[in-house]
Amino acid sequence: MPASDNSYLRLGVNIDHVATIRNARGGDHPDPVRAARLAAEAGADGITAHLREDRRHIRDHDIERLKAEIGLPLNLEMAATVEMLEIALRHKPHASCLVPERREEVTTEGGLDAAGQHNHLKPYIAQLNDAGIRVSLFINADRAQLDAAVSLGAPVVELHTGAYCEAAFAGDEALVETEFQRIAEAACYGAEAGLEVHAGHGLTFETVGPIAAIPDLKELNIGHFLIGEAIFGGLHSTIKRMRVAMDEARSGRAVVGR
């Protein structure tokens, strides 16, 4: 289905944790670029990779290869630092998603405080925009953060779905509903403000349906779950299963619970 179809929900596949496995032992195997190729074959619409300051998974050479060898749009997740800005401007990915980053964290723990860091973020966003790189801000589902994104000139936001997924894993149905409503309302508010709204973090086969059914969302970014599930079912079939789940939820064919 063409990405130009307004009802179509894009799937960005994050291949960071293929590199995590590679780095655990050193060498070149498994190759995250090979994983990106398989993702493309399985129906992914884009590839996401987070180049962290400590290079704990994706490395500079991976970004070079992904840009040179993969035909899908590359979404470079990055902190707002001089080093990462220089890398983005050099490689010119399709998109750069600005994320919060703490060296001691295991994974991204929450959204970027775009409102509180307005003056810090503004020059980075301006330079990325000037270079023709689509800027996205990874934020919590909060109106103040959405307003900040508009003020900063970021055309895209990605809503953090981690709290929703954690509530679902814990079986807390009331909190699941609360977090889902926050995401749905933020998606609507952001779209009405002229933003392109994406979502991601922690999504699984069990949690993706309600999120995929939110009509104001244009893209989901999913990584760790897909790579982990691929151990049991293979990467190609795992991504295809996620693609089908998203399509069914968006079309209303699936029965999805919150």
C-alpha atoms as a PDB file:
ATOM      1  CA  MET A   1       0.000   0.000   0.000  1.00  0.00           C
ATOM      2  CA  PRO A   2       1.501   3.359  -0.936  1.00  0.00           C
ATOM      3  CA  ALA A   3       2.739   5.576   1.883  1.00  0.00           C
ATOM      4  CA  SER A   4       0.875   8.475   0.254  1.00  0.00           C
ATOM      5  CA  ASP A   5      -2.446   6.881   1.286  1.00  0.00           C
ATOM      6  CA  ASN A   6      -3.658   8.964   4.253  1.00  0.00           C
ATOM      7  CA  SER A   7      -5.086   5.865   5.946  1.00  0.00           C
ATOM      8  CA  TYR A   8      -1.800   3.995   5.751  1.00  0.00           C
ATOM      9  CA  LEU A   9       0.282   3.702   8.938  1.00  0.00           C
ATOM     10  CA  ARG A  10       4.024   3.512   8.303  1.00  0.00           C
ATOM     11  CA  LEU A  11       6.264   1.091  10.194  1.00  0.00           C
ATOM     12  CA  GLY A  12       9.785   2.152  11.114  1.00  0.00           C
ATOM     13  CA  VAL A  13      11.965  -0.731  12.303  1.00  0.00           C
ATOM     14  CA  ASN A  14      14.700   0.073  14.808  1.00  0.00           C
ATOM     15  CA  ILE A  15      17.691  -2.235  14.297  1.00  0.00           C
ATOM     16  CA  ASP A  16      19.760  -1.022  17.282  1.00  0.00           C
ATOM     17  CA  HIS A  17      19.663  -4.274  19.186  1.00  0.00           C
ATOM     18  CA  VAL A  18      21.019  -6.362  16.348  1.00  0.00           C
ATOM     19  CA  ALA A  19      24.112  -4.232  16.924  1.00  0.00           C
ATOM     20  CA  THR A  20      23.809  -4.811  20.690  1.00  0.00           C
ATOM     21  CA  ILE A  21      24.143  -8.563  20.117  1.00  0.00           C
ATOM     22  CA  ARG A  22      27.050  -8.025  17.729  1.00  0.00           C
ATOM     23  CA  ASN A  23      28.883  -5.804  20.188  1.00  0.00           C
ATOM     24  CA  ALA A  24      28.440  -8.264  23.058  1.00  0.00           C
ATOM     25  CA  ARG A  25      31.028 -10.514  21.444  1.00  0.00           C
ATOM     26  CA  GLY A  26      32.782  -8.197  19.016  1.00  0.00           C
ATOM     27  CA  GLY A  27      33.304  -8.805  15.317  1.00  0.00           C
ATOM     28  CA  ASP A  28      30.773  -8.172  12.580  1.00  0.00           C
ATOM     29  CA  HIS A  29      28.004 -10.695  13.284  1.00  0.00           C
ATOM     30  CA  PRO A  30      25.054 -10.250  13.378  1.00  0.00           C
ATOM     31  CA  ASP A  31      25.071  -7.413  10.871  1.00  0.00           C
ATOM     32  CA  PRO A  32      22.502  -4.644  11.520  1.00  0.00           C
ATOM     33  CA  VAL A  33      22.567  -3.671   7.840  1.00  0.00           C
ATOM     34  CA  ARG A  34      21.510  -7.199   6.913  1.00  0.00           C
ATOM     35  CA  ALA A  35      18.679  -6.834   9.421  1.00  0.00           C
ATOM     36  CA  ALA A  36      17.649  -3.577   7.726  1.00  0.00           C
ATOM     37  CA  ARG A  37      17.512  -5.358   4.364  1.00  0.00           C
ATOM     38  CA  LEU A  38      15.288  -8.079   5.829  1.00  0.00           C
ATOM     39  CA  ALA A  39      13.078  -5.417   7.383  1.00  0.00           C
ATOM     40  CA  ALA A  40      12.651  -3.783   3.980  1.00  0.00           C
ATOM     41  CA  GLU A  41      11.704  -7.120   2.418  1.00  0.00           C
ATOM     42  CA  ALA A  42       9.187  -7.766   5.216  1.00  0.00           C
ATOM     43  CA  GLY A  43       7.297  -4.505   4.735  1.00  0.00           C
ATOM     44  CA  ALA A  44       9.082  -1.883   6.811  1.00  0.00           C
ATOM     45  CA  ASP A  45       8.711   1.661   5.514  1.00  0.00           C
ATOM     46  CA  GLY A  46      11.836   3.024   7.171  1.00  0.00           C
ATOM     47  CA  ILE A  47      14.833   2.113   9.306  1.00  0.00           C
ATOM     48  CA  THR A  48      15.598   3.730  12.652  1.00  0.00           C
ATOM     49  CA  ALA A  49      19.009   3.669  14.346  1.00  0.00           C
ATOM     50  CA  HIS A  50      20.137   5.448  17.522  1.00  0.00           C
ATOM     51  CA  LEU A  51      23.771   6.525  17.505  1.00  0.00           C
ATOM     52  CA  ARG A  52      24.513   7.008  21.200  1.00  0.00           C
ATOM     53  CA  GLU A  53      27.411   8.959  22.635  1.00  0.00           C
ATOM     54  CA  ASP A  54      28.920   5.760  24.080  1.00  0.00           C
ATOM     55  CA  ARG A  55      28.310   3.731  20.864  1.00  0.00           C
ATOM     56  CA  ARG A  56      26.805   0.912  22.922  1.00  0.00           C
ATOM     57  CA  HIS A  57      25.036  -0.548  19.896  1.00  0.00           C
ATOM     58  CA  ILE A  58      24.969   1.344  16.589  1.00  0.00           C
ATOM     59  CA  ARG A  59      28.381   2.646  15.514  1.00  0.00           C
ATOM     60  CA  ASP A  60      29.411   5.358  13.075  1.00  0.00           C
ATOM     61  CA  HIS A  61      30.220   2.857  10.328  1.00  0.00           C
ATOM     62  CA  ASP A  62      26.736   1.361  10.652  1.00  0.00           C
ATOM     63  CA  ILE A  63      25.225   4.765   9.867  1.00  0.00           C
ATOM     64  CA  GLU A  64      27.510   5.136   6.853  1.00  0.00           C
ATOM     65  CA  ARG A  65      26.472   1.732   5.526  1.00  0.00           C
ATOM     66  CA  LEU A  66      22.764   2.182   6.235  1.00  0.00           C
ATOM     67  CA  LYS A  67      22.759   5.460   4.323  1.00  0.00           C
ATOM     68  CA  ALA A  68      24.735   3.976   1.411  1.00  0.00           C
ATOM     69  CA  GLU A  69      23.221   0.490   1.146  1.00  0.00           C
ATOM     70  CA  ILE A  70      19.571   0.690   2.220  1.00  0.00           C
ATOM     71  CA  GLY A  71      16.923   2.160  -0.027  1.00  0.00           C
ATOM     72  CA  LEU A  72      14.460   2.941   2.759  1.00  0.00           C
ATOM     73  CA  PRO A  73      14.429   6.299   4.560  1.00  0.00           C
ATOM     74  CA  LEU A  74      16.870   6.386   7.483  1.00  0.00           C
ATOM     75  CA  ASN A  75      15.720   7.907  10.771  1.00  0.00           C
ATOM     76  CA  LEU A  76      18.764   8.799  12.886  1.00  0.00           C
ATOM     77  CA  GLU A  77      17.928   9.015  16.570  1.00  0.00           C
ATOM     78  CA  MET A  78      20.377  11.343  18.288  1.00  0.00           C
ATOM     79  CA  ALA A  79      20.971  13.562  21.273  1.00  0.00           C
ATOM     80  CA  ALA A  80      21.141  17.307  20.700  1.00  0.00           C
ATOM     81  CA  THR A  81      24.938  17.593  20.875  1.00  0.00           C
ATOM     82  CA  VAL A  82      27.524  19.198  18.631  1.00  0.00           C
ATOM     83  CA  GLU A  83      29.051  15.811  17.802  1.00  0.00           C
ATOM     84  CA  MET A  84      25.734  14.292  16.723  1.00  0.00           C
ATOM     85  CA  LEU A  85      24.729  17.374  14.756  1.00  0.00           C
ATOM     86  CA  GLU A  86      27.976  17.175  12.777  1.00  0.00           C
ATOM     87  CA  ILE A  87      27.335  13.489  12.028  1.00  0.00           C
ATOM     88  CA  ALA A  88      23.768  14.173  10.897  1.00  0.00           C
ATOM     89  CA  LEU A  89      24.843  17.047   8.654  1.00  0.00           C
ATOM     90  CA  ARG A  90      27.562  14.883   7.137  1.00  0.00           C
ATOM     91  CA  HIS A  91      25.387  11.847   6.356  1.00  0.00           C
ATOM     92  CA  LYS A  92      22.095  13.651   5.646  1.00  0.00           C
ATOM     93  CA  PRO A  93      19.632  10.982   6.839  1.00  0.00           C
ATOM     94  CA  HIS A  94      16.012  11.352   5.773  1.00  0.00           C
ATOM     95  CA  ALA A  95      15.131  12.257   9.376  1.00  0.00           C
ATOM     96  CA  SER A  96      16.750  13.024  12.697  1.00  0.00           C
ATOM     97  CA  CYS A  97      14.778  12.283  15.847  1.00  0.00           C
ATOM     98  CA  LEU A  98      16.079  14.219  18.845  1.00  0.00           C
ATOM     99  CA  VAL A  99      15.899  12.124  21.999  1.00  0.00           C
ATOM    100  CA  PRO A 100      16.987  12.547  25.630  1.00  0.00           C
ATOM    101  CA  GLU A 101      20.085  10.564  26.484  1.00  0.00           C
ATOM    102  CA  ARG A 102      21.739   9.671  29.778  1.00  0.00           C
ATOM    103  CA  ARG A 103      24.879   7.535  29.757  1.00  0.00           C
ATOM    104  CA  GLU A 104      23.699   5.413  32.723  1.00  0.00           C
ATOM    105  CA  GLU A 105      20.224   4.591  31.347  1.00  0.00           C
ATOM    106  CA  VAL A 106      19.478   1.140  29.920  1.00  0.00           C
ATOM    107  CA  THR A 107      17.028   2.521  27.357  1.00  0.00           C
ATOM    108  CA  THR A 108      15.380   5.868  26.706  1.00  0.00           C
ATOM    109  CA  GLU A 109      13.404   6.487  29.879  1.00  0.00           C
ATOM    110  CA  GLY A 110      11.018   9.227  28.775  1.00  0.00           C
ATOM    111  CA  GLY A 111      10.386  12.000  26.348  1.00  0.00           C
ATOM    112  CA  LEU A 112      12.564  14.975  25.571  1.00  0.00           C
ATOM    113  CA  ASP A 113      11.719  18.096  27.570  1.00  0.00           C
ATOM    114  CA  ALA A 114      11.265  20.298  24.517  1.00  0.00           C
ATOM    115  CA  ALA A 115       9.564  23.024  26.560  1.00  0.00           C
ATOM    116  CA  GLY A 116      12.266  23.187  29.211  1.00  0.00           C
ATOM    117  CA  GLN A 117      15.143  22.927  26.718  1.00  0.00           C
ATOM    118  CA  HIS A 118      13.697  25.304  24.143  1.00  0.00           C
ATOM    119  CA  ASN A 119      16.745  27.573  23.877  1.00  0.00           C
ATOM    120  CA  HIS A 120      19.171  24.642  23.724  1.00  0.00           C
ATOM    121  CA  LEU A 121      17.219  22.773  21.062  1.00  0.00           C
ATOM    122  CA  LYS A 122      16.363  25.700  18.798  1.00  0.00           C
ATOM    123  CA  PRO A 123      19.730  26.042  16.972  1.00  0.00           C
ATOM    124  CA  TYR A 124      20.004  22.275  16.425  1.00  0.00           C
ATOM    125  CA  ILE A 125      16.535  22.076  14.929  1.00  0.00           C
ATOM    126  CA  ALA A 126      17.201  25.115  12.753  1.00  0.00           C
ATOM    127  CA  GLN A 127      20.399  23.644  11.307  1.00  0.00           C
ATOM    128  CA  LEU A 128      18.803  20.256  10.647  1.00  0.00           C
ATOM    129  CA  ASN A 129      15.826  21.933   8.972  1.00  0.00           C
ATOM    130  CA  ASP A 130      18.151  24.066   6.850  1.00  0.00           C
ATOM    131  CA  ALA A 131      19.960  20.920   5.707  1.00  0.00           C
ATOM    132  CA  GLY A 132      16.698  19.374   4.498  1.00  0.00           C
ATOM    133  CA  ILE A 133      16.631  16.758   7.265  1.00  0.00           C
ATOM    134  CA  ARG A 134      13.160  16.102   8.685  1.00  0.00           C
ATOM    135  CA  VAL A 135      13.302  16.859  12.417  1.00  0.00           C
ATOM    136  CA  SER A 136      11.338  14.802  14.910  1.00  0.00           C
ATOM    137  CA  LEU A 137      11.142  15.278  18.685  1.00  0.00           C
ATOM    138  CA  PHE A 138      10.617  12.225  20.901  1.00  0.00           C
ATOM    139  CA  ILE A 139       8.285  13.587  23.581  1.00  0.00           C
ATOM    140  CA  ASN A 140       5.763  12.546  26.170  1.00  0.00           C
ATOM    141  CA  ALA A 141       2.078  12.865  25.282  1.00  0.00           C
ATOM    142  CA  ASP A 142       1.729  16.330  26.790  1.00  0.00           C
ATOM    143  CA  ARG A 143       0.253  19.498  25.297  1.00  0.00           C
ATOM    144  CA  ALA A 144       3.072  21.715  26.580  1.00  0.00           C
ATOM    145  CA  GLN A 145       5.603  19.544  24.758  1.00  0.00           C
ATOM    146  CA  LEU A 146       3.538  19.591  21.569  1.00  0.00           C
ATOM    147  CA  ASP A 147       3.255  23.381  21.758  1.00  0.00           C
ATOM    148  CA  ALA A 148       7.028  23.566  22.200  1.00  0.00           C
ATOM    149  CA  ALA A 149       7.563  21.430  19.102  1.00  0.00           C
ATOM    150  CA  VAL A 150       5.462  23.844  17.069  1.00  0.00           C
ATOM    151  CA  SER A 151       7.313  26.834  18.512  1.00  0.00           C
ATOM    152  CA  LEU A 152      10.672  25.228  17.737  1.00  0.00           C
ATOM    153  CA  GLY A 153       9.761  24.516  14.121  1.00  0.00           C
ATOM    154  CA  ALA A 154       9.975  20.724  14.380  1.00  0.00           C
ATOM    155  CA  PRO A 155       7.559  19.277  11.807  1.00  0.00           C
ATOM    156  CA  VAL A 156       7.275  15.847  13.464  1.00  0.00           C
ATOM    157  CA  VAL A 157       6.852  14.484  16.976  1.00  0.00           C
ATOM    158  CA  GLU A 158       7.050  10.908  18.220  1.00  0.00           C
ATOM    159  CA  LEU A 159       4.917  10.184  21.278  1.00  0.00           C
ATOM    160  CA  HIS A 160       6.472   7.991  23.960  1.00  0.00           C
ATOM    161  CA  THR A 161       4.302   4.882  24.444  1.00  0.00           C
ATOM    162  CA  GLY A 162       6.415   3.310  27.194  1.00  0.00           C
ATOM    163  CA  ALA A 163       4.077   4.003  30.127  1.00  0.00           C
ATOM    164  CA  TYR A 164       1.115   2.586  28.184  1.00  0.00           C
ATOM    165  CA  CYS A 165       3.051  -0.594  27.369  1.00  0.00           C
ATOM    166  CA  GLU A 166       4.333  -0.985  30.938  1.00  0.00           C
ATOM    167  CA  ALA A 167       0.781  -0.682  32.284  1.00  0.00           C
ATOM    168  CA  ALA A 168      -0.383  -3.354  29.845  1.00  0.00           C
ATOM    169  CA  PHE A 169       2.472  -5.668  30.893  1.00  0.00           C
ATOM    170  CA  ALA A 170       1.522  -5.172  34.546  1.00  0.00           C
ATOM    171  CA  GLY A 171      -2.133  -5.919  33.803  1.00  0.00           C
ATOM    172  CA  ASP A 172      -3.304  -2.541  35.124  1.00  0.00           C
ATOM    173  CA  GLU A 173      -6.335  -2.009  32.896  1.00  0.00           C
ATOM    174  CA  ALA A 174      -7.292   1.342  34.413  1.00  0.00           C
ATOM    175  CA  LEU A 175      -3.818   2.763  33.826  1.00  0.00           C
ATOM    176  CA  VAL A 176      -3.737   1.294  30.322  1.00  0.00           C
ATOM    177  CA  GLU A 177      -6.927   3.200  29.509  1.00  0.00           C
ATOM    178  CA  THR A 178      -5.582   6.403  31.060  1.00  0.00           C
ATOM    179  CA  GLU A 179      -2.296   6.203  29.159  1.00  0.00           C
ATOM    180  CA  PHE A 180      -4.051   5.273  25.930  1.00  0.00           C
ATOM    181  CA  GLN A 181      -6.339   8.289  26.190  1.00  0.00           C
ATOM    182  CA  ARG A 182      -3.347  10.559  26.829  1.00  0.00           C
ATOM    183  CA  ILE A 183      -1.692   9.299  23.649  1.00  0.00           C
ATOM    184  CA  ALA A 184      -4.866   9.508  21.550  1.00  0.00           C
ATOM    185  CA  GLU A 185      -5.654  13.034  22.760  1.00  0.00           C
ATOM    186  CA  ALA A 186      -2.072  14.185  22.204  1.00  0.00           C
ATOM    187  CA  ALA A 187      -2.089  12.726  18.698  1.00  0.00           C
ATOM    188  CA  CYS A 188      -5.281  14.636  17.884  1.00  0.00           C
ATOM    189  CA  TYR A 189      -3.963  17.862  19.427  1.00  0.00           C
ATOM    190  CA  GLY A 190      -0.651  17.580  17.604  1.00  0.00           C
ATOM    191  CA  ALA A 191      -2.276  16.867  14.264  1.00  0.00           C
ATOM    192  CA  GLU A 192      -4.611  19.853  14.671  1.00  0.00           C
ATOM    193  CA  ALA A 193      -1.532  22.001  15.414  1.00  0.00           C
ATOM    194  CA  GLY A 194      -0.025  20.968  12.073  1.00  0.00           C
ATOM    195  CA  LEU A 195       2.432  18.364  13.338  1.00  0.00           C
ATOM    196  CA  GLU A 196       2.981  14.939  11.817  1.00  0.00           C
ATOM    197  CA  VAL A 197       2.539  12.611  14.785  1.00  0.00           C
ATOM    198  CA  HIS A 198       4.352   9.295  15.268  1.00  0.00           C
ATOM    199  CA  ALA A 199       4.522   6.956  18.273  1.00  0.00           C
ATOM    200  CA  GLY A 200       6.790   4.302  19.682  1.00  0.00           C
ATOM    201  CA  HIS A 201       8.632   2.601  22.562  1.00  0.00           C
ATOM    202  CA  GLY A 202       7.824  -0.804  24.013  1.00  0.00           C
ATOM    203  CA  LEU A 203       5.117  -1.768  21.518  1.00  0.00           C
ATOM    204  CA  THR A 204       4.391  -5.494  21.114  1.00  0.00           C
ATOM    205  CA  PHE A 205       1.918  -7.671  19.236  1.00  0.00           C
ATOM    206  CA  GLU A 206      -0.403  -7.358  22.255  1.00  0.00           C
ATOM    207  CA  THR A 207      -0.193  -3.576  22.647  1.00  0.00           C
ATOM    208  CA  VAL A 208       0.151  -2.317  19.077  1.00  0.00           C
ATOM    209  CA  GLY A 209      -3.495  -2.668  18.018  1.00  0.00           C
ATOM    210  CA  PRO A 210      -5.106   0.200  19.952  1.00  0.00           C
ATOM    211  CA  ILE A 211      -2.208   2.530  19.160  1.00  0.00           C
ATOM    212  CA  ALA A 212      -2.254   1.621  15.457  1.00  0.00           C
ATOM    213  CA  ALA A 213      -5.981   2.371  15.376  1.00  0.00           C
ATOM    214  CA  ILE A 214      -5.454   6.016  16.411  1.00  0.00           C
ATOM    215  CA  PRO A 215      -6.245   7.808  13.129  1.00  0.00           C
ATOM    216  CA  ASP A 216      -3.999  10.829  13.746  1.00  0.00           C
ATOM    217  CA  LEU A 217      -0.835   8.721  13.921  1.00  0.00           C
ATOM    218  CA  LYS A 218       1.178   8.423  10.721  1.00  0.00           C
ATOM    219  CA  GLU A 219       4.045   6.142  11.802  1.00  0.00           C
ATOM    220  CA  LEU A 220       5.057   3.682  14.517  1.00  0.00           C
ATOM    221  CA  ASN A 221       8.673   2.956  15.377  1.00  0.00           C
ATOM    222  CA  ILE A 222       9.295  -0.479  16.877  1.00  0.00           C
ATOM    223  CA  GLY A 223      12.605  -2.160  17.602  1.00  0.00           C
ATOM    224  CA  HIS A 224      13.511  -4.093  20.733  1.00  0.00           C
ATOM    225  CA  PHE A 225      10.414  -6.297  20.699  1.00  0.00           C
ATOM    226  CA  LEU A 226      10.864  -7.215  17.039  1.00  0.00           C
ATOM    227  CA  ILE A 227      14.524  -8.139  17.478  1.00  0.00           C
ATOM    228  CA  GLY A 228      13.790 -10.157  20.611  1.00  0.00           C
ATOM    229  CA  GLU A 229      10.818 -11.957  19.071  1.00  0.00           C
ATOM    230  CA  ALA A 230      12.914 -12.763  15.996  1.00  0.00           C
ATOM    231  CA  ILE A 231      14.912 -15.188  18.143  1.00  0.00           C
ATOM    232  CA  PHE A 232      11.837 -17.401  18.211  1.00  0.00           C
ATOM    233  CA  GLY A 233      10.155 -16.706  14.892  1.00  0.00           C
ATOM    234  CA  GLY A 234      12.720 -15.148  12.555  1.00  0.00           C
ATOM    235  CA  LEU A 235      13.042 -11.467  11.751  1.00  0.00           C
ATOM    236  CA  HIS A 236      11.236 -11.498   8.407  1.00  0.00           C
ATOM    237  CA  SER A 237       8.129 -13.292   9.706  1.00  0.00           C
ATOM    238  CA  THR A 238       8.078 -11.250  12.937  1.00  0.00           C
ATOM    239  CA  ILE A 239       8.070  -7.951  11.049  1.00  0.00           C
ATOM    240  CA  LYS A 240       5.437  -9.232   8.613  1.00  0.00           C
ATOM    241  CA  ARG A 241       3.242 -10.236  11.557  1.00  0.00           C
ATOM    242  CA  MET A 242       3.588  -6.755  13.056  1.00  0.00           C
ATOM    243  CA  ARG A 243       2.819  -5.168   9.687  1.00  0.00           C
ATOM    244  CA  VAL A 244      -0.375  -7.236   9.426  1.00  0.00           C
ATOM    245  CA  ALA A 245      -1.404  -6.371  13.002  1.00  0.00           C
ATOM    246  CA  MET A 246      -0.976  -2.661  12.289  1.00  0.00           C
ATOM    247  CA  ASP A 247      -2.878  -2.837   9.002  1.00  0.00           C
ATOM    248  CA  GLU A 248      -5.769  -4.752  10.548  1.00  0.00           C
ATOM    249  CA  ALA A 249      -6.025  -2.338  13.460  1.00  0.00           C
ATOM    250  CA  ARG A 250      -5.952   0.682  11.170  1.00  0.00           C
ATOM    251  CA  SER A 251      -8.615  -0.792   8.877  1.00  0.00           C
ATOM    252  CA  GLY A 252     -10.874  -1.785  11.760  1.00  0.00           C
ATOM    253  CA  ARG A 253     -10.765  -5.478  10.866  1.00  0.00           C
ATOM    254  CA  ALA A 254      -9.033  -6.480  14.099  1.00  0.00           C
ATOM    255  CA  VAL A 255     -10.767  -6.704  17.458  1.00  0.00           C
ATOM    256  CA  VAL A 256      -8.391  -4.826  19.743  1.00  0.00           C
ATOM    257  CA  GLY A 257      -8.796  -4.336  23.465  1.00  0.00           C
ATOM    258  CA  ARG A 258      -7.555  -1.564  25.691  1.00  0.00           C
END
